[in-house]
C-alpha atoms as a PDB file:
ATOM      1  CA  MET A   1      -0.012   0.295   0.064  1.00  0.00           C
ATOM      2  CA  THR A   2       0.968   3.570  -1.333  1.00  0.00           C
ATOM      3  CA  ASP A   3       1.001   6.821   0.232  1.00  0.00           C
ATOM      4  CA  THR A   4      -1.170   9.243  -2.186  1.00  0.00           C
ATOM      5  CA  LYS A   5      -1.122  12.204  -0.416  1.00  0.00           C
ATOM      6  CA  ALA A   6      -1.254  15.086  -3.079  1.00  0.00           C
ATOM      7  CA  VAL A   7       1.197  18.169  -2.946  1.00  0.00           C
ATOM      8  CA  THR A   8      -0.234  20.999  -2.614  1.00  0.00           C
ATOM      9  CA  GLY A   9       0.556  24.820  -2.715  1.00  0.00           C
ATOM     10  CA  SER A  10       1.302  25.535   0.760  1.00  0.00           C
ATOM     11  CA  ASP A  11       3.331  22.180   0.971  1.00  0.00           C
ATOM     12  CA  ILE A  12       5.712  23.867  -1.716  1.00  0.00           C
ATOM     13  CA  VAL A  13       8.895  25.886  -0.104  1.00  0.00           C
ATOM     14  CA  SER A  14      10.462  28.598  -2.461  1.00  0.00           C
ATOM     15  CA  ASP A  15      14.016  29.930  -1.952  1.00  0.00           C
ATOM     16  CA  ALA A  16      12.441  32.896  -0.674  1.00  0.00           C
ATOM     17  CA  SER A  17      10.283  31.605   1.340  1.00  0.00           C
ATOM     18  CA  PRO A  18      10.771  32.011   5.493  1.00  0.00           C
ATOM     19  CA  GLN A  19      10.743  28.365   5.881  1.00  0.00           C
ATOM     20  CA  ALA A  20      13.466  28.260   3.273  1.00  0.00           C
ATOM     21  CA  HIS A  21      15.451  30.808   5.177  1.00  0.00           C
ATOM     22  CA  ASP A  22      15.020  29.003   8.667  1.00  0.00           C
ATOM     23  CA  ARG A  23      16.830  25.545   7.296  1.00  0.00           C
ATOM     24  CA  THR A  24      19.437  27.490   5.570  1.00  0.00           C
ATOM     25  CA  GLU A  25      20.452  29.889   7.930  1.00  0.00           C
ATOM     26  CA  PRO A  26      22.332  27.439  11.386  1.00  0.00           C
ATOM     27  CA  ALA A  27      24.894  27.097   8.121  1.00  0.00           C
ATOM     28  CA  ARG A  28      25.640  30.414   7.975  1.00  0.00           C
ATOM     29  CA  ARG A  29      25.565  31.288  12.054  1.00  0.00           C
ATOM     30  CA  GLN A  30      28.665  28.884  12.009  1.00  0.00           C
ATOM     31  CA  ARG A  31      31.185  30.975  14.070  1.00  0.00           C
ATOM     32  CA  ARG A  32      34.628  30.954  12.424  1.00  0.00           C
ATOM     33  CA  VAL A  33      37.924  30.165  14.574  1.00  0.00           C
ATOM     34  CA  THR A  34      40.202  32.985  14.456  1.00  0.00           C
ATOM     35  CA  ARG A  35      43.020  34.098  15.911  1.00  0.00           C
ATOM     36  CA  LEU A  36      41.487  37.139  17.263  1.00  0.00           C
ATOM     37  CA  GLY A  37      38.811  35.160  19.434  1.00  0.00           C
ATOM     38  CA  SER A  38      41.642  32.545  20.017  1.00  0.00           C
ATOM     39  CA  ALA A  39      43.545  35.559  21.789  1.00  0.00           C
ATOM     40  CA  HIS A  40      40.470  36.982  23.813  1.00  0.00           C
ATOM     41  CA  ALA A  41      39.389  33.408  24.792  1.00  0.00           C
ATOM     42  CA  GLY A  42      42.939  32.487  26.065  1.00  0.00           C
ATOM     43  CA  LEU A  43      43.422  36.256  27.833  1.00  0.00           C
ATOM     44  CA  ILE A  44      40.238  35.428  30.048  1.00  0.00           C
ATOM     45  CA  ALA A  45      41.407  32.263  30.768  1.00  0.00           C
ATOM     46  CA  ALA A  46      44.464  33.240  31.481  1.00  0.00           C
ATOM     47  CA  ALA A  47      42.755  36.070  34.010  1.00  0.00           C
ATOM     48  CA  VAL A  48      40.740  33.807  35.729  1.00  0.00           C
ATOM     49  CA  VAL A  49      44.282  31.770  36.241  1.00  0.00           C
ATOM     50  CA  LEU A  50      45.674  34.750  37.605  1.00  0.00           C
ATOM     51  CA  VAL A  51      42.830  35.322  39.825  1.00  0.00           C
ATOM     52  CA  LEU A  52      42.846  32.181  41.404  1.00  0.00           C
ATOM     53  CA  LEU A  53      46.772  32.558  42.221  1.00  0.00           C
ATOM     54  CA  LEU A  54      46.558  35.520  43.692  1.00  0.00           C
ATOM     55  CA  VAL A  55      44.022  33.891  46.064  1.00  0.00           C
ATOM     56  CA  PHE A  56      46.297  31.039  46.531  1.00  0.00           C
ATOM     57  CA  ILE A  57      49.251  33.200  47.508  1.00  0.00           C
ATOM     58  CA  LEU A  58      47.102  35.724  49.573  1.00  0.00           C
ATOM     59  CA  GLU A  59      45.796  32.459  51.537  1.00  0.00           C
ATOM     60  CA  ASN A  60      49.066  30.789  51.878  1.00  0.00           C
ATOM     61  CA  ALA A  61      51.437  34.037  53.264  1.00  0.00           C
ATOM     62  CA  HIS A  62      52.663  32.426  56.356  1.00  0.00           C
ATOM     63  CA  SER A  63      56.641  31.829  55.745  1.00  0.00           C
ATOM     64  CA  VAL A  64      58.817  28.775  55.823  1.00  0.00           C
ATOM     65  CA  ASN A  65      61.935  27.727  56.088  1.00  0.00           C
ATOM     66  CA  VAL A  66      62.584  25.568  52.910  1.00  0.00           C
ATOM     67  CA  GLY A  67      66.434  23.666  52.597  1.00  0.00           C
ATOM     68  CA  PHE A  68      67.750  22.472  49.252  1.00  0.00           C
ATOM     69  CA  LEU A  69      71.113  21.623  48.490  1.00  0.00           C
ATOM     70  CA  GLY A  70      72.191  22.957  52.094  1.00  0.00           C
ATOM     71  CA  ALA A  71      70.499  26.356  51.143  1.00  0.00           C
ATOM     72  CA  HIS A  72      68.339  27.573  53.964  1.00  0.00           C
ATOM     73  CA  LEU A  73      65.943  30.277  52.967  1.00  0.00           C
ATOM     74  CA  ARG A  74      62.490  31.616  54.899  1.00  0.00           C
ATOM     75  CA  LEU A  75      59.784  32.538  52.603  1.00  0.00           C
ATOM     76  CA  PRO A  76      56.250  32.698  52.329  1.00  0.00           C
ATOM     77  CA  LEU A  77      54.452  29.212  51.292  1.00  0.00           C
ATOM     78  CA  ALA A  78      52.993  30.349  48.355  1.00  0.00           C
ATOM     79  CA  VAL A  79      56.385  31.112  47.113  1.00  0.00           C
ATOM     80  CA  ALA A  80      57.870  28.040  48.241  1.00  0.00           C
ATOM     81  CA  LEU A  81      55.044  25.981  46.331  1.00  0.00           C
ATOM     82  CA  LEU A  82      55.375  28.247  43.140  1.00  0.00           C
ATOM     83  CA  LEU A  83      58.735  27.793  42.687  1.00  0.00           C
ATOM     84  CA  ALA A  84      58.300  24.077  43.387  1.00  0.00           C
ATOM     85  CA  GLY A  85      55.879  24.327  40.730  1.00  0.00           C
ATOM     86  CA  VAL A  86      57.817  26.157  38.433  1.00  0.00           C
ATOM     87  CA  GLY A  87      61.139  24.151  39.066  1.00  0.00           C
ATOM     88  CA  GLY A  88      59.228  20.638  38.144  1.00  0.00           C
ATOM     89  CA  ALA A  89      57.255  22.415  34.808  1.00  0.00           C
ATOM     90  CA  LEU A  90      60.889  23.130  33.789  1.00  0.00           C
ATOM     91  CA  LEU A  91      62.245  19.913  34.713  1.00  0.00           C
ATOM     92  CA  VAL A  92      59.757  18.291  32.293  1.00  0.00           C
ATOM     93  CA  GLY A  93      60.211  20.608  29.877  1.00  0.00           C
ATOM     94  CA  ALA A  94      63.539  19.825  29.496  1.00  0.00           C
ATOM     95  CA  VAL A  95      62.959  16.237  29.544  1.00  0.00           C
ATOM     96  CA  GLY A  96      60.823  16.025  26.781  1.00  0.00           C
ATOM     97  CA  ALA A  97      62.642  18.602  24.584  1.00  0.00           C
ATOM     98  CA  ALA A  98      65.426  15.997  25.091  1.00  0.00           C
ATOM     99  CA  ARG A  99      63.049  13.471  23.797  1.00  0.00           C
ATOM    100  CA  ILE A 100      61.977  15.629  20.893  1.00  0.00           C
ATOM    101  CA  THR A 101      65.347  15.733  19.853  1.00  0.00           C
ATOM    102  CA  GLN A 102      66.277  12.178  20.609  1.00  0.00           C
ATOM    103  CA  LEU A 103      63.256  11.220  17.617  1.00  0.00           C
ATOM    104  CA  ARG A 104      63.746  13.818  15.349  1.00  0.00           C
ATOM    105  CA  ARG A 105      67.313  12.893  15.052  1.00  0.00           C
ATOM    106  CA  ALA A 106      66.267   8.818  15.057  1.00  0.00           C
ATOM    107  CA  VAL A 107      63.375  10.313  12.049  1.00  0.00           C
ATOM    108  CA  HIS A 108      66.669  12.502  10.195  1.00  0.00           C
ATOM    109  CA  ARG A 109      68.858   9.267  10.542  1.00  0.00           C
ATOM    110  CA  GLU A 110      66.204   6.667   8.500  1.00  0.00           C
ATOM    111  CA  ILE A 111      65.205   9.716   6.000  1.00  0.00           C
ATOM    112  CA  HIS A 112      69.169  10.019   5.211  1.00  0.00           C
ATOM    113  CA  ARG A 113      69.512   5.441   5.071  1.00  0.00           C
ATOM    114  CA  SER A 114      66.731   5.582   3.311  1.00  0.00           C
ATOM    115  CA  ASP A 115      68.079   7.888   0.421  1.00  0.00           C
ATOM    116  CA  GLN A 116      71.331   5.614   0.279  1.00  0.00           C
ATOM    117  CA  PRO A 117      71.324   2.932  -2.747  1.00  0.00           C
ATOM    118  CA  GLY A 118      71.993   0.044  -0.747  1.00  0.00           C
END
């Protein structure tokens, strides 16, 4: 059994009708990611991080004794923790950079091996 619904004039949608416009409008409204938009989002994220960092520093302002490699300092707790975090990040960055350099050298050697006649 087939559906034999008649097509009336109200069922036909032309390109100039509001119904056709509503279907194509979401495609036109898609937002493109631009450098300026990304920079704006990054600045907002950085501002939020800085506010959280400021709150952290203000809440942990009491001084503590810190000893490292024979050096003894008296620092605010927040500063000591931040220095430890920065030191850890630098260490991870150095190890990552060394690994990337190692992988690039391996790829470079492999490319030169494949270029030489066997």
